Amino acid sequence: MVKATHEASHRLFHDHPEALAPVFEALGLPPPSKGDFDELSPDATEIRPMERRVDTVLRFAPDMGENFVLALESQTKKDPDKARSWAYYVAYLCAKYDLPVVLVAVCRDRATAQWATGPFELVEVGLESTPTRENWRKLMQNAVTHFPGHRTLFEEKYLEGKAEGEARGEAKGVLRVLEVRGLVITDAVRERIVTCSDLTLLHDWLDRAGTVERAEDLFTPGTIATELPKN
C-alpha cells in the first residue's frame, strides 16, 4: 500500500514543478517556470501482465531550448531492486516519447540520497575476470551522455577536479623544494601557495623555488635569483 509520505514526496513536483529549480541548476539550466511543463502518463506497463509505474512523469517543454522528460521517484529507503526499475523507466520513457530522460530520486534522508546517486552495476555480473569486463568498464568511462546540461554536470566538474588535483600537486612541489633548501616558510607564504589554482603561476614558482634567496621572493616579479653553484 502506498503511504502518504511516499505520495507527498513526488506530488509536490506534480503540482509545483517549478520547485525542481535545484535539479535544473545541477544540470546547468536556467530555473523553469510552471508553464514549461505538461503532465505525462506515469504508466510504464507492458502488454505482459507486469505493471510498472513511475511516481510522477513530466515533460519539460520551454518556448526556447531542448525538451526532455523528468521521471520523479520517491525513495524513502535503500532498495537494491530499484536499479533495474529505474533503468527500465529511463529506457521505456526515452523510447515512448523519443526524448532524453532525467530520473530524479526524491529522498527523505542523506544516506538514501547518497545511495541513490549510484553507480549501479547491472551488466558486469557474469563477465567475471574476462577481458570483456575491462572492455565494458573502458566503454562506460568513455560514454557520452546526451541529456541537457550533461557538459556542465559531468564534464566541467571532472575538469575542475582534475585541475584542482594538478594545482595541489604543484603547490606541494613548491613547498617541498623550499623546505629542502632550508628556507623559512611563513604561514602567509604557505597559504598563498596552497590556495593558488593558477597552474601557470605554480609552474613558475616551482622553477623559481630552486634559486630564490627567500620564500617571499617567489611572488616578486623581476627578483634576481641566486645562481646555483656549479660543480
Protein backbone atom coordinates (compact mmCIF):
# COMPACT_ATOMS: atom_id res chain seq x y z
CA MET A 1 0.00 0.00 0.00
CA VAL A 2 1.32 3.41 -0.98
CA LYS A 3 1.93 5.59 2.08
CA ALA A 4 1.05 9.28 2.37
CA THR A 5 4.70 10.26 2.81
CA HIS A 6 5.57 8.49 -0.44
CA GLU A 7 2.84 10.31 -2.34
CA ALA A 8 3.71 13.68 -0.82
CA SER A 9 7.36 13.37 -1.83
CA HIS A 10 6.64 13.38 -5.56
CA ARG A 11 3.18 15.00 -5.73
CA LEU A 12 4.79 18.27 -4.67
CA PHE A 13 6.59 18.38 -8.02
CA HIS A 14 3.47 17.24 -9.85
CA ASP A 15 1.55 20.25 -8.54
CA HIS A 16 4.50 22.66 -8.39
CA PRO A 17 7.10 21.57 -10.98
CA GLU A 18 8.88 24.91 -10.61
CA ALA A 19 10.17 23.51 -7.29
CA LEU A 20 12.58 21.48 -9.44
CA ALA A 21 14.83 24.55 -9.75
CA PRO A 22 17.75 22.87 -7.84
CA VAL A 23 17.70 19.98 -10.34
CA PHE A 24 17.87 22.42 -13.25
CA GLU A 25 20.72 24.25 -11.54
CA ALA A 26 22.63 20.96 -11.24
CA LEU A 27 22.05 20.37 -14.96
CA GLY A 28 23.39 23.83 -15.78
CA LEU A 29 19.98 25.06 -16.97
CA PRO A 30 18.04 28.24 -16.05
CA PRO A 31 15.23 27.92 -13.48
CA PRO A 32 12.00 26.59 -15.03
CA SER A 33 8.52 28.06 -14.78
CA LYS A 34 5.33 26.09 -14.21
CA GLY A 35 4.16 26.82 -17.74
CA ASP A 36 7.14 24.93 -19.16
CA PHE A 37 5.74 21.58 -18.01
CA ASP A 38 2.88 19.33 -19.02
CA GLU A 39 1.90 16.10 -17.32
CA LEU A 40 2.53 12.72 -18.94
CA SER A 41 1.13 9.32 -18.03
CA PRO A 42 3.24 7.57 -15.38
CA ASP A 43 2.05 4.16 -16.60
CA ALA A 44 5.02 2.02 -17.71
CA THR A 45 3.02 -1.20 -18.07
CA GLU A 46 3.71 -3.54 -20.98
CA ILE A 47 1.27 -5.93 -22.66
CA ARG A 48 2.65 -8.66 -20.47
CA PRO A 49 0.95 -8.91 -17.02
CA MET A 50 3.60 -6.88 -15.23
CA GLU A 51 2.65 -3.43 -14.02
CA ARG A 52 5.28 -0.76 -13.59
CA ARG A 53 4.51 2.83 -12.67
CA VAL A 54 6.77 5.82 -12.27
CA ASP A 55 5.69 8.07 -9.39
CA THR A 56 5.46 11.26 -11.47
CA VAL A 57 6.39 11.95 -15.10
CA LEU A 58 6.68 15.47 -16.51
CA ARG A 59 7.73 16.79 -19.89
CA PHE A 60 9.81 19.96 -19.84
CA ALA A 61 8.90 21.91 -22.98
CA PRO A 62 10.12 25.52 -22.83
CA ASP A 63 9.44 28.02 -25.62
CA MET A 64 13.16 28.02 -26.35
CA GLY A 65 15.59 25.19 -25.65
CA GLU A 66 15.56 21.40 -25.59
CA ASN A 67 12.60 19.35 -24.45
CA PHE A 68 13.15 16.42 -22.11
CA VAL A 69 11.28 14.14 -19.74
CA LEU A 70 11.61 14.23 -15.94
CA ALA A 71 10.82 11.00 -14.08
CA LEU A 72 10.36 11.63 -10.34
CA GLU A 73 10.70 8.71 -7.94
CA SER A 74 10.00 8.99 -4.21
CA GLN A 75 12.54 6.90 -2.32
CA THR A 76 12.29 6.50 1.47
CA LYS A 77 14.99 3.86 1.90
CA LYS A 78 17.63 1.86 0.02
CA ASP A 79 16.18 -0.71 -2.34
CA PRO A 80 18.56 -2.90 -4.39
CA ASP A 81 15.79 -3.69 -6.88
CA LYS A 82 15.39 -0.03 -7.82
CA ALA A 83 18.48 -0.07 -10.04
CA ARG A 84 16.70 -2.36 -12.50
CA SER A 85 13.40 -0.49 -12.21
CA TRP A 86 14.99 2.90 -12.79
CA ALA A 87 16.99 1.65 -15.76
CA TYR A 88 13.76 0.30 -17.23
CA TYR A 89 11.85 3.55 -16.60
CA VAL A 90 14.51 5.65 -18.33
CA ALA A 91 14.73 3.31 -21.32
CA TYR A 92 10.93 2.98 -21.60
CA LEU A 93 10.20 6.71 -21.39
CA CYS A 94 13.00 7.53 -23.81
CA ALA A 95 11.57 5.04 -26.32
CA LYS A 96 7.96 6.14 -25.73
CA TYR A 97 8.45 9.91 -26.06
CA ASP A 98 11.66 9.96 -28.14
CA LEU A 99 13.18 12.48 -25.73
CA PRO A 100 16.12 12.49 -23.30
CA VAL A 101 15.10 11.37 -19.81
CA VAL A 102 16.34 12.61 -16.42
CA LEU A 103 15.36 10.47 -13.42
CA VAL A 104 15.25 12.34 -10.11
CA ALA A 105 15.11 10.35 -6.86
CA VAL A 106 13.41 12.36 -4.11
CA CYS A 107 14.89 11.06 -0.84
CA ARG A 108 13.98 11.82 2.77
CA ASP A 109 17.46 11.39 4.27
CA ARG A 110 21.09 11.90 3.27
CA ALA A 111 22.05 8.20 3.44
CA THR A 112 19.33 7.22 0.97
CA ALA A 113 20.23 10.14 -1.28
CA GLN A 114 23.89 9.10 -1.37
CA TRP A 115 22.87 5.55 -2.24
CA ALA A 116 20.52 6.78 -4.97
CA THR A 117 23.30 8.64 -6.76
CA GLY A 118 24.76 5.25 -7.74
CA PRO A 119 26.57 3.98 -9.62
CA PHE A 120 24.50 0.83 -10.11
CA GLU A 121 26.04 -2.15 -11.90
CA LEU A 122 23.57 -4.11 -13.99
CA VAL A 123 25.76 -5.79 -16.59
CA GLU A 124 29.08 -6.85 -15.10
CA VAL A 125 27.68 -9.85 -13.26
CA GLY A 126 28.68 -12.89 -15.27
CA LEU A 127 31.62 -11.23 -17.01
CA GLU A 128 33.88 -12.47 -14.21
CA SER A 129 37.55 -11.64 -14.77
CA THR A 130 37.38 -11.90 -18.56
CA PRO A 131 38.76 -9.15 -20.85
CA THR A 132 35.16 -8.27 -21.66
CA ARG A 133 34.69 -6.93 -18.13
CA GLU A 134 37.58 -4.47 -18.52
CA ASN A 135 36.44 -3.53 -22.02
CA TRP A 136 32.98 -2.75 -20.66
CA ARG A 137 34.42 -0.52 -17.94
CA LYS A 138 36.50 1.38 -20.50
CA LEU A 139 33.46 1.85 -22.69
CA MET A 140 31.50 3.22 -19.74
CA GLN A 141 34.30 5.65 -18.91
CA ASN A 142 34.19 6.97 -22.46
CA ALA A 143 30.40 7.00 -22.74
CA VAL A 144 28.79 10.31 -23.70
CA THR A 145 25.53 11.29 -22.01
CA HIS A 146 23.07 13.28 -24.09
CA PHE A 147 20.59 14.82 -21.67
CA PRO A 148 20.57 18.65 -21.48
CA GLY A 149 23.28 20.11 -19.29
CA HIS A 150 25.47 16.99 -19.31
CA ARG A 151 28.57 19.02 -20.12
CA THR A 152 28.02 21.22 -17.09
CA LEU A 153 27.11 18.40 -14.75
CA PHE A 154 29.80 15.89 -15.65
CA GLU A 155 32.49 17.24 -17.95
CA GLU A 156 33.05 20.57 -16.24
CA LYS A 157 33.07 19.04 -12.75
CA TYR A 158 35.54 16.40 -13.91
CA LEU A 159 37.84 19.00 -15.46
CA GLU A 160 37.58 21.22 -12.39
CA GLY A 161 38.55 18.32 -10.14
CA LYS A 162 41.42 17.37 -12.42
CA ALA A 163 42.77 20.95 -12.44
CA GLU A 164 42.45 21.20 -8.66
CA GLY A 165 44.39 17.97 -8.25
CA GLU A 166 47.18 19.21 -10.52
CA ALA A 167 47.32 22.51 -8.63
CA ARG A 168 47.62 20.73 -5.28
CA GLY A 169 50.46 18.62 -6.66
CA GLU A 170 52.35 21.66 -7.95
CA ALA A 171 51.85 23.51 -4.65
CA LYS A 172 53.28 20.57 -2.71
CA GLY A 173 56.25 20.55 -5.06
CA VAL A 174 56.95 24.23 -4.49
CA LEU A 175 56.80 23.84 -0.71
CA ARG A 176 58.99 20.74 -0.80
CA VAL A 177 61.75 22.49 -2.75
CA LEU A 178 61.71 25.43 -0.34
CA GLU A 179 61.83 23.08 2.66
CA VAL A 180 64.72 21.03 1.25
CA ARG A 181 66.67 24.24 0.68
CA GLY A 182 66.10 25.23 4.31
CA LEU A 183 64.23 28.45 3.54
CA VAL A 184 61.81 29.84 6.11
CA ILE A 185 58.19 29.42 5.01
CA THR A 186 55.83 31.71 6.86
CA ASP A 187 52.15 30.89 7.28
CA ALA A 188 51.27 33.66 4.83
CA VAL A 189 53.61 32.26 2.17
CA ARG A 190 52.35 28.71 2.69
CA GLU A 191 48.71 29.76 2.47
CA ARG A 192 49.33 31.75 -0.72
CA ILE A 193 50.99 28.75 -2.34
CA VAL A 194 48.43 26.09 -1.33
CA THR A 195 45.43 28.25 -2.25
CA CYS A 196 46.73 29.14 -5.71
CA SER A 197 44.83 27.44 -8.54
CA ASP A 198 46.74 29.05 -11.43
CA LEU A 199 48.83 26.21 -12.88
CA THR A 200 50.97 28.56 -14.98
CA LEU A 201 51.86 30.61 -11.91
CA LEU A 202 52.56 27.48 -9.87
CA HIS A 203 54.88 26.19 -12.61
CA ASP A 204 56.76 29.49 -12.45
CA TRP A 205 57.02 29.33 -8.66
CA LEU A 206 58.32 25.75 -8.87
CA ASP A 207 61.05 26.85 -11.27
CA ARG A 208 62.00 29.78 -9.05
CA ALA A 209 61.82 27.81 -5.79
CA GLY A 210 65.22 26.30 -6.52
CA THR A 211 67.02 29.64 -6.84
CA VAL A 212 65.32 32.38 -4.78
CA GLU A 213 67.07 33.61 -1.62
CA ARG A 214 63.83 33.93 0.37
CA ALA A 215 60.48 32.18 0.03
CA GLU A 216 58.80 35.58 -0.27
CA ASP A 217 60.79 36.28 -3.45
CA LEU A 218 58.64 33.75 -5.30
CA PHE A 219 55.91 36.37 -5.53
CA THR A 220 58.08 39.35 -6.54
CA PRO A 221 58.31 39.78 -10.32
CA GLY A 222 61.79 40.63 -11.50
CA THR A 223 63.53 39.35 -8.37
CA ILE A 224 67.08 38.32 -9.21
CA ALA A 225 67.57 34.72 -8.17
CA THR A 226 70.81 33.47 -6.72
CA GLU A 227 72.78 31.46 -9.25
CA LEU A 228 73.28 27.89 -8.21
CA PRO A 229 76.97 26.93 -7.71
CA LYS A 230 78.50 24.86 -10.49
CA ASN A 231 80.09 21.56 -9.71
